[in-house]
């Protein structure tokens, strides 16, 4: 007769910390480090800039909503230790990296090809990068989720700033702080690049800007695929 299996043990989170000042210090540290990471130009930055300048502030904010949705996902994933799962199943991490690299490369190639079309064709909704609000949200979400290395970064961030056994409330608060910082930064980026001065500048140099942006996305995709 086979031996009975031990009952499954569900994770138990400690109670909320009784030191609010310690919690505040932790959240401020997370906000500062995540703010520096968010402000570093990357795929999220370039997709927000391009959408705001090429389309509208409303569509740019839809992209931002997608970016911050992805940020919340990475925040929760980092808190629950998804990097441990990647360590146990390296093929999963490699597969997600490859998919992310292919997606960023796809965006880059699409931008470059569109830059060689006549302006009248590029104005067609069928050829724009994100013609509708929900597509803008999807574009921001998928661009953010394209890099699974973010999970490892968030896990390291939480490991160095949080107490040894953080409560579930602290984990949710930390993810919320990351969302707030991302929303403020990328929202400000969209408002700046959706101004008439920026949109006129983009209109005058659409082809050149799209080729540069497309090349940057391809480089990000290649870097993601080749990084170990």
C-alpha atoms as a PDB file:
ATOM      1  CA  UNK A   1       0.000   0.000   0.000  1.00  0.00           C
ATOM      2  CA  UNK A   2       1.463   3.391  -0.927  1.00  0.00           C
ATOM      3  CA  UNK A   3       2.235   5.754   1.890  1.00  0.00           C
ATOM      4  CA  UNK A   4      -0.281   8.587   2.315  1.00  0.00           C
ATOM      5  CA  UNK A   5       0.890  11.974   1.086  1.00  0.00           C
ATOM      6  CA  UNK A   6       1.279  14.728   3.652  1.00  0.00           C
ATOM      7  CA  UNK A   7      -1.407  17.382   3.454  1.00  0.00           C
ATOM      8  CA  UNK A   8      -0.650  20.412   1.255  1.00  0.00           C
ATOM      9  CA  UNK A   9       0.592  23.392   3.188  1.00  0.00           C
ATOM     10  CA  UNK A  10      -0.734  26.744   2.038  1.00  0.00           C
ATOM     11  CA  UNK A  11       1.498  29.805   2.359  1.00  0.00           C
ATOM     12  CA  UNK A  12       0.822  31.786   5.492  1.00  0.00           C
ATOM     13  CA  UNK A  13       1.611  35.477   5.470  1.00  0.00           C
ATOM     14  CA  UNK A  14       2.541  37.175   8.719  1.00  0.00           C
ATOM     15  CA  UNK A  15       0.269  39.757  10.202  1.00  0.00           C
ATOM     16  CA  UNK A  16       0.591  43.405   9.231  1.00  0.00           C
ATOM     17  CA  UNK A  17       3.734  45.023  10.616  1.00  0.00           C
ATOM     18  CA  UNK A  18       3.115  47.026  13.776  1.00  0.00           C
ATOM     19  CA  UNK A  19       5.745  49.641  12.882  1.00  0.00           C
ATOM     20  CA  UNK A  20       4.187  52.100  10.401  1.00  0.00           C
ATOM     21  CA  UNK A  21       7.400  54.128  10.144  1.00  0.00           C
ATOM     22  CA  UNK A  22       9.314  51.037   9.048  1.00  0.00           C
ATOM     23  CA  UNK A  23       6.623  50.307   6.473  1.00  0.00           C
ATOM     24  CA  UNK A  24       6.772  53.896   5.204  1.00  0.00           C
ATOM     25  CA  UNK A  25      10.559  53.756   4.932  1.00  0.00           C
ATOM     26  CA  UNK A  26      10.332  50.516   2.966  1.00  0.00           C
ATOM     27  CA  UNK A  27       7.755  51.904   0.546  1.00  0.00           C
ATOM     28  CA  UNK A  28       9.746  55.106   0.017  1.00  0.00           C
ATOM     29  CA  UNK A  29      12.842  53.054  -0.785  1.00  0.00           C
ATOM     30  CA  UNK A  30      10.865  51.004  -3.295  1.00  0.00           C
ATOM     31  CA  UNK A  31       9.426  54.183  -4.833  1.00  0.00           C
ATOM     32  CA  UNK A  32      12.884  55.730  -5.239  1.00  0.00           C
ATOM     33  CA  UNK A  33      14.533  52.674  -6.798  1.00  0.00           C
ATOM     34  CA  UNK A  34      11.576  51.889  -9.042  1.00  0.00           C
ATOM     35  CA  UNK A  35      11.382  55.540 -10.097  1.00  0.00           C
ATOM     36  CA  UNK A  36      14.995  55.422 -11.282  1.00  0.00           C
ATOM     37  CA  UNK A  37      14.307  52.175 -13.151  1.00  0.00           C
ATOM     38  CA  UNK A  38      11.150  53.569 -14.778  1.00  0.00           C
ATOM     39  CA  UNK A  39      12.897  56.790 -15.840  1.00  0.00           C
ATOM     40  CA  UNK A  40      15.628  54.825 -17.634  1.00  0.00           C
ATOM     41  CA  UNK A  41      14.663  54.865 -21.346  1.00  0.00           C
ATOM     42  CA  UNK A  42      13.456  51.478 -22.511  1.00  0.00           C
ATOM     43  CA  UNK A  43      10.656  49.931 -24.593  1.00  0.00           C
ATOM     44  CA  UNK A  44       7.944  51.311 -22.284  1.00  0.00           C
ATOM     45  CA  UNK A  45       9.314  54.847 -22.638  1.00  0.00           C
ATOM     46  CA  UNK A  46       9.634  54.726 -26.405  1.00  0.00           C
ATOM     47  CA  UNK A  47       6.198  53.210 -27.019  1.00  0.00           C
ATOM     48  CA  UNK A  48       4.597  55.891 -24.801  1.00  0.00           C
ATOM     49  CA  UNK A  49       6.516  58.694 -26.542  1.00  0.00           C
ATOM     50  CA  UNK A  50       5.775  57.447 -30.035  1.00  0.00           C
ATOM     51  CA  UNK A  51       2.067  56.906 -29.376  1.00  0.00           C
ATOM     52  CA  UNK A  52       1.587  60.326 -27.748  1.00  0.00           C
ATOM     53  CA  UNK A  53       3.441  62.188 -30.500  1.00  0.00           C
ATOM     54  CA  UNK A  54       1.990  60.237 -33.431  1.00  0.00           C
ATOM     55  CA  UNK A  55      -1.602  59.888 -32.274  1.00  0.00           C
ATOM     56  CA  UNK A  56      -3.060  61.689 -29.281  1.00  0.00           C
ATOM     57  CA  UNK A  57      -2.783  62.225 -25.549  1.00  0.00           C
ATOM     58  CA  UNK A  58      -5.824  60.018 -24.982  1.00  0.00           C
ATOM     59  CA  UNK A  59      -4.263  57.110 -26.856  1.00  0.00           C
ATOM     60  CA  UNK A  60      -0.955  57.730 -25.116  1.00  0.00           C
ATOM     61  CA  UNK A  61      -2.694  57.475 -21.749  1.00  0.00           C
ATOM     62  CA  UNK A  62      -4.297  54.206 -22.863  1.00  0.00           C
ATOM     63  CA  UNK A  63      -0.779  52.887 -23.502  1.00  0.00           C
ATOM     64  CA  UNK A  64       0.243  54.129 -20.040  1.00  0.00           C
ATOM     65  CA  UNK A  65      -2.715  52.236 -18.541  1.00  0.00           C
ATOM     66  CA  UNK A  66      -1.393  49.081 -20.175  1.00  0.00           C
ATOM     67  CA  UNK A  67       2.133  49.757 -18.909  1.00  0.00           C
ATOM     68  CA  UNK A  68       1.001  50.226 -15.317  1.00  0.00           C
ATOM     69  CA  UNK A  69      -1.185  47.107 -15.570  1.00  0.00           C
ATOM     70  CA  UNK A  70       1.944  45.190 -16.496  1.00  0.00           C
ATOM     71  CA  UNK A  71       3.798  46.879 -13.647  1.00  0.00           C
ATOM     72  CA  UNK A  72       1.212  45.593 -11.170  1.00  0.00           C
ATOM     73  CA  UNK A  73       1.574  42.087 -12.601  1.00  0.00           C
ATOM     74  CA  UNK A  74       5.367  42.230 -12.232  1.00  0.00           C
ATOM     75  CA  UNK A  75       5.008  43.649  -8.717  1.00  0.00           C
ATOM     76  CA  UNK A  76       2.846  40.747  -7.592  1.00  0.00           C
ATOM     77  CA  UNK A  77       5.031  38.246  -9.446  1.00  0.00           C
ATOM     78  CA  UNK A  78       8.129  39.607  -7.742  1.00  0.00           C
ATOM     79  CA  UNK A  79       6.495  39.510  -4.320  1.00  0.00           C
ATOM     80  CA  UNK A  80       5.357  35.907  -4.725  1.00  0.00           C
ATOM     81  CA  UNK A  81       8.807  34.906  -5.938  1.00  0.00           C
ATOM     82  CA  UNK A  82       8.247  34.037  -9.580  1.00  0.00           C
ATOM     83  CA  UNK A  83      12.017  34.196 -10.052  1.00  0.00           C
ATOM     84  CA  UNK A  84      12.166  30.995  -7.975  1.00  0.00           C
ATOM     85  CA  UNK A  85       9.838  29.368 -10.494  1.00  0.00           C
ATOM     86  CA  UNK A  86      12.113  30.538 -13.302  1.00  0.00           C
ATOM     87  CA  UNK A  87      15.090  29.006 -11.468  1.00  0.00           C
ATOM     88  CA  UNK A  88      13.261  25.682 -11.153  1.00  0.00           C
ATOM     89  CA  UNK A  89      12.038  25.784 -14.759  1.00  0.00           C
ATOM     90  CA  UNK A  90      14.687  27.632 -16.795  1.00  0.00           C
ATOM     91  CA  UNK A  91      12.985  26.576 -20.021  1.00  0.00           C
ATOM     92  CA  UNK A  92       9.970  28.682 -19.037  1.00  0.00           C
ATOM     93  CA  UNK A  93      12.145  31.744 -18.482  1.00  0.00           C
ATOM     94  CA  UNK A  94      13.932  31.148 -21.803  1.00  0.00           C
ATOM     95  CA  UNK A  95      10.622  30.735 -23.628  1.00  0.00           C
ATOM     96  CA  UNK A  96       9.187  33.946 -22.174  1.00  0.00           C
ATOM     97  CA  UNK A  97      12.391  35.814 -23.033  1.00  0.00           C
ATOM     98  CA  UNK A  98      12.246  34.565 -26.606  1.00  0.00           C
ATOM     99  CA  UNK A  99       8.584  35.524 -26.971  1.00  0.00           C
ATOM    100  CA  UNK A 100       9.309  38.981 -25.560  1.00  0.00           C
ATOM    101  CA  UNK A 101      12.266  39.443 -27.906  1.00  0.00           C
ATOM    102  CA  UNK A 102      10.167  38.414 -30.892  1.00  0.00           C
ATOM    103  CA  UNK A 103       7.397  40.817 -29.902  1.00  0.00           C
ATOM    104  CA  UNK A 104       9.768  43.793 -29.543  1.00  0.00           C
ATOM    105  CA  UNK A 105      11.412  42.900 -32.857  1.00  0.00           C
ATOM    106  CA  UNK A 106       7.965  42.676 -34.465  1.00  0.00           C
ATOM    107  CA  UNK A 107       7.119  46.181 -33.238  1.00  0.00           C
ATOM    108  CA  UNK A 108      10.411  47.510 -34.570  1.00  0.00           C
ATOM    109  CA  UNK A 109      10.067  45.898 -38.007  1.00  0.00           C
ATOM    110  CA  UNK A 110       6.470  47.116 -38.244  1.00  0.00           C
ATOM    111  CA  UNK A 111       7.510  50.696 -37.511  1.00  0.00           C
ATOM    112  CA  UNK A 112      10.358  50.627 -40.026  1.00  0.00           C
ATOM    113  CA  UNK A 113       8.196  49.160 -42.791  1.00  0.00           C
ATOM    114  CA  UNK A 114       5.446  51.698 -42.113  1.00  0.00           C
ATOM    115  CA  UNK A 115       7.975  54.564 -42.370  1.00  0.00           C
ATOM    116  CA  UNK A 116       8.531  53.752 -46.076  1.00  0.00           C
ATOM    117  CA  UNK A 117       4.851  54.019 -46.952  1.00  0.00           C
ATOM    118  CA  UNK A 118       3.340  57.272 -48.215  1.00  0.00           C
ATOM    119  CA  UNK A 119       2.013  59.572 -45.499  1.00  0.00           C
ATOM    120  CA  UNK A 120      -1.563  59.096 -46.655  1.00  0.00           C
ATOM    121  CA  UNK A 121      -1.260  55.337 -46.183  1.00  0.00           C
ATOM    122  CA  UNK A 122       0.337  55.720 -42.759  1.00  0.00           C
ATOM    123  CA  UNK A 123      -2.632  57.801 -41.662  1.00  0.00           C
ATOM    124  CA  UNK A 124      -4.918  54.838 -42.273  1.00  0.00           C
ATOM    125  CA  UNK A 125      -6.218  53.307 -39.008  1.00  0.00           C
ATOM    126  CA  UNK A 126      -5.295  49.853 -40.342  1.00  0.00           C
ATOM    127  CA  UNK A 127      -1.624  50.805 -40.427  1.00  0.00           C
ATOM    128  CA  UNK A 128      -1.264  52.782 -37.241  1.00  0.00           C
ATOM    129  CA  UNK A 129       0.514  51.267 -34.252  1.00  0.00           C
ATOM    130  CA  UNK A 130      -2.446  51.534 -31.863  1.00  0.00           C
ATOM    131  CA  UNK A 131      -5.556  53.121 -33.440  1.00  0.00           C
ATOM    132  CA  UNK A 132      -8.026  52.439 -30.613  1.00  0.00           C
ATOM    133  CA  UNK A 133      -7.979  52.846 -26.854  1.00  0.00           C
ATOM    134  CA  UNK A 134      -8.130  49.150 -25.998  1.00  0.00           C
ATOM    135  CA  UNK A 135      -5.386  48.444 -28.536  1.00  0.00           C
ATOM    136  CA  UNK A 136      -3.277  51.131 -26.904  1.00  0.00           C
ATOM    137  CA  UNK A 137      -3.803  49.439 -23.535  1.00  0.00           C
ATOM    138  CA  UNK A 138      -2.861  46.062 -25.044  1.00  0.00           C
ATOM    139  CA  UNK A 139       0.225  47.564 -26.671  1.00  0.00           C
ATOM    140  CA  UNK A 140       1.418  49.015 -23.359  1.00  0.00           C
ATOM    141  CA  UNK A 141       0.674  45.811 -21.455  1.00  0.00           C
ATOM    142  CA  UNK A 142       2.418  43.504 -23.916  1.00  0.00           C
ATOM    143  CA  UNK A 143       5.424  45.812 -24.256  1.00  0.00           C
ATOM    144  CA  UNK A 144       5.852  45.814 -20.471  1.00  0.00           C
ATOM    145  CA  UNK A 145       5.343  42.060 -20.093  1.00  0.00           C
ATOM    146  CA  UNK A 146       7.755  41.347 -22.955  1.00  0.00           C
ATOM    147  CA  UNK A 147      10.730  41.402 -20.576  1.00  0.00           C
ATOM    148  CA  UNK A 148      10.579  38.629 -17.926  1.00  0.00           C
ATOM    149  CA  UNK A 149      13.863  39.940 -16.470  1.00  0.00           C
ATOM    150  CA  UNK A 150      11.684  42.540 -14.767  1.00  0.00           C
ATOM    151  CA  UNK A 151      10.441  39.808 -12.413  1.00  0.00           C
ATOM    152  CA  UNK A 152      13.998  39.063 -11.296  1.00  0.00           C
ATOM    153  CA  UNK A 153      14.649  42.780 -10.770  1.00  0.00           C
ATOM    154  CA  UNK A 154      11.486  43.220  -8.692  1.00  0.00           C
ATOM    155  CA  UNK A 155      12.302  40.136  -6.622  1.00  0.00           C
ATOM    156  CA  UNK A 156      15.767  41.552  -5.894  1.00  0.00           C
ATOM    157  CA  UNK A 157      14.256  44.943  -5.113  1.00  0.00           C
ATOM    158  CA  UNK A 158      11.840  43.463  -2.584  1.00  0.00           C
ATOM    159  CA  UNK A 159      14.531  41.223  -1.098  1.00  0.00           C
ATOM    160  CA  UNK A 160      16.785  44.210  -0.374  1.00  0.00           C
ATOM    161  CA  UNK A 161      14.114  46.625   0.885  1.00  0.00           C
ATOM    162  CA  UNK A 162      11.469  44.521   2.636  1.00  0.00           C
ATOM    163  CA  UNK A 163      11.674  42.713   5.997  1.00  0.00           C
ATOM    164  CA  UNK A 164      12.443  38.996   5.963  1.00  0.00           C
ATOM    165  CA  UNK A 165       8.772  37.960   6.173  1.00  0.00           C
ATOM    166  CA  UNK A 166       6.673  40.763   4.671  1.00  0.00           C
ATOM    167  CA  UNK A 167       2.918  40.654   5.087  1.00  0.00           C
ATOM    168  CA  UNK A 168       0.546  40.276   2.163  1.00  0.00           C
ATOM    169  CA  UNK A 169      -0.626  43.844   2.784  1.00  0.00           C
ATOM    170  CA  UNK A 170       2.949  45.060   2.428  1.00  0.00           C
ATOM    171  CA  UNK A 171       3.344  43.175  -0.842  1.00  0.00           C
ATOM    172  CA  UNK A 172       0.165  44.721  -2.253  1.00  0.00           C
ATOM    173  CA  UNK A 173       1.239  48.161  -1.035  1.00  0.00           C
ATOM    174  CA  UNK A 174       4.645  47.766  -2.681  1.00  0.00           C
ATOM    175  CA  UNK A 175       3.035  46.783  -5.989  1.00  0.00           C
ATOM    176  CA  UNK A 176       0.700  49.756  -5.621  1.00  0.00           C
ATOM    177  CA  UNK A 177       3.659  52.086  -5.090  1.00  0.00           C
ATOM    178  CA  UNK A 178       5.281  50.750  -8.262  1.00  0.00           C
ATOM    179  CA  UNK A 179       2.046  51.379 -10.159  1.00  0.00           C
ATOM    180  CA  UNK A 180       1.794  54.914  -8.796  1.00  0.00           C
ATOM    181  CA  UNK A 181       5.380  55.786  -9.714  1.00  0.00           C
ATOM    182  CA  UNK A 182       4.962  54.351 -13.224  1.00  0.00           C
ATOM    183  CA  UNK A 183       1.684  56.199 -13.703  1.00  0.00           C
ATOM    184  CA  UNK A 184       3.193  59.545 -12.683  1.00  0.00           C
ATOM    185  CA  UNK A 185       6.308  59.131 -14.844  1.00  0.00           C
ATOM    186  CA  UNK A 186       4.761  57.766 -18.036  1.00  0.00           C
ATOM    187  CA  UNK A 187       1.727  60.031 -17.664  1.00  0.00           C
ATOM    188  CA  UNK A 188       4.059  63.039 -17.547  1.00  0.00           C
ATOM    189  CA  UNK A 189       5.944  61.721 -20.594  1.00  0.00           C
ATOM    190  CA  UNK A 190       2.692  61.434 -22.546  1.00  0.00           C
ATOM    191  CA  UNK A 191       1.541  64.934 -21.580  1.00  0.00           C
ATOM    192  CA  UNK A 192       4.870  66.427 -22.705  1.00  0.00           C
ATOM    193  CA  UNK A 193       5.091  64.583 -26.024  1.00  0.00           C
ATOM    194  CA  UNK A 194       1.411  65.134 -26.888  1.00  0.00           C
ATOM    195  CA  UNK A 195       1.843  68.929 -26.862  1.00  0.00           C
ATOM    196  CA  UNK A 196       1.376  70.737 -30.222  1.00  0.00           C
ATOM    197  CA  UNK A 197       5.089  71.544 -30.447  1.00  0.00           C
ATOM    198  CA  UNK A 198       6.058  67.882 -30.107  1.00  0.00           C
ATOM    199  CA  UNK A 199       3.361  66.596 -32.452  1.00  0.00           C
ATOM    200  CA  UNK A 200       4.342  69.140 -35.133  1.00  0.00           C
ATOM    201  CA  UNK A 201       7.983  68.113 -34.784  1.00  0.00           C
ATOM    202  CA  UNK A 202       6.989  64.470 -35.097  1.00  0.00           C
ATOM    203  CA  UNK A 203       4.861  65.187 -38.171  1.00  0.00           C
ATOM    204  CA  UNK A 204       7.787  66.894 -39.913  1.00  0.00           C
ATOM    205  CA  UNK A 205      10.144  63.963 -39.231  1.00  0.00           C
ATOM    206  CA  UNK A 206       7.768  61.009 -39.038  1.00  0.00           C
ATOM    207  CA  UNK A 207       9.733  58.639 -41.278  1.00  0.00           C
ATOM    208  CA  UNK A 208      13.095  59.334 -39.619  1.00  0.00           C
ATOM    209  CA  UNK A 209      11.722  59.088 -36.077  1.00  0.00           C
ATOM    210  CA  UNK A 210       9.867  55.847 -36.824  1.00  0.00           C
ATOM    211  CA  UNK A 211      12.991  54.295 -38.346  1.00  0.00           C
ATOM    212  CA  UNK A 212      15.044  55.255 -35.316  1.00  0.00           C
ATOM    213  CA  UNK A 213      12.344  54.032 -32.912  1.00  0.00           C
ATOM    214  CA  UNK A 214      11.960  50.799 -34.875  1.00  0.00           C
ATOM    215  CA  UNK A 215      15.707  50.202 -34.782  1.00  0.00           C
ATOM    216  CA  UNK A 216      15.703  50.781 -31.013  1.00  0.00           C
ATOM    217  CA  UNK A 217      12.932  48.209 -30.524  1.00  0.00           C
ATOM    218  CA  UNK A 218      14.855  45.680 -32.635  1.00  0.00           C
ATOM    219  CA  UNK A 219      17.999  46.323 -30.575  1.00  0.00           C
ATOM    220  CA  UNK A 220      16.034  45.828 -27.345  1.00  0.00           C
ATOM    221  CA  UNK A 221      14.639  42.581 -28.744  1.00  0.00           C
ATOM    222  CA  UNK A 222      18.089  41.340 -29.738  1.00  0.00           C
ATOM    223  CA  UNK A 223      19.535  42.280 -26.347  1.00  0.00           C
ATOM    224  CA  UNK A 224      16.730  40.473 -24.552  1.00  0.00           C
ATOM    225  CA  UNK A 225      17.212  37.350 -26.658  1.00  0.00           C
ATOM    226  CA  UNK A 226      21.004  37.284 -26.229  1.00  0.00           C
ATOM    227  CA  UNK A 227      21.235  38.219 -22.546  1.00  0.00           C
ATOM    228  CA  UNK A 228      21.886  35.347 -20.160  1.00  0.00           C
END
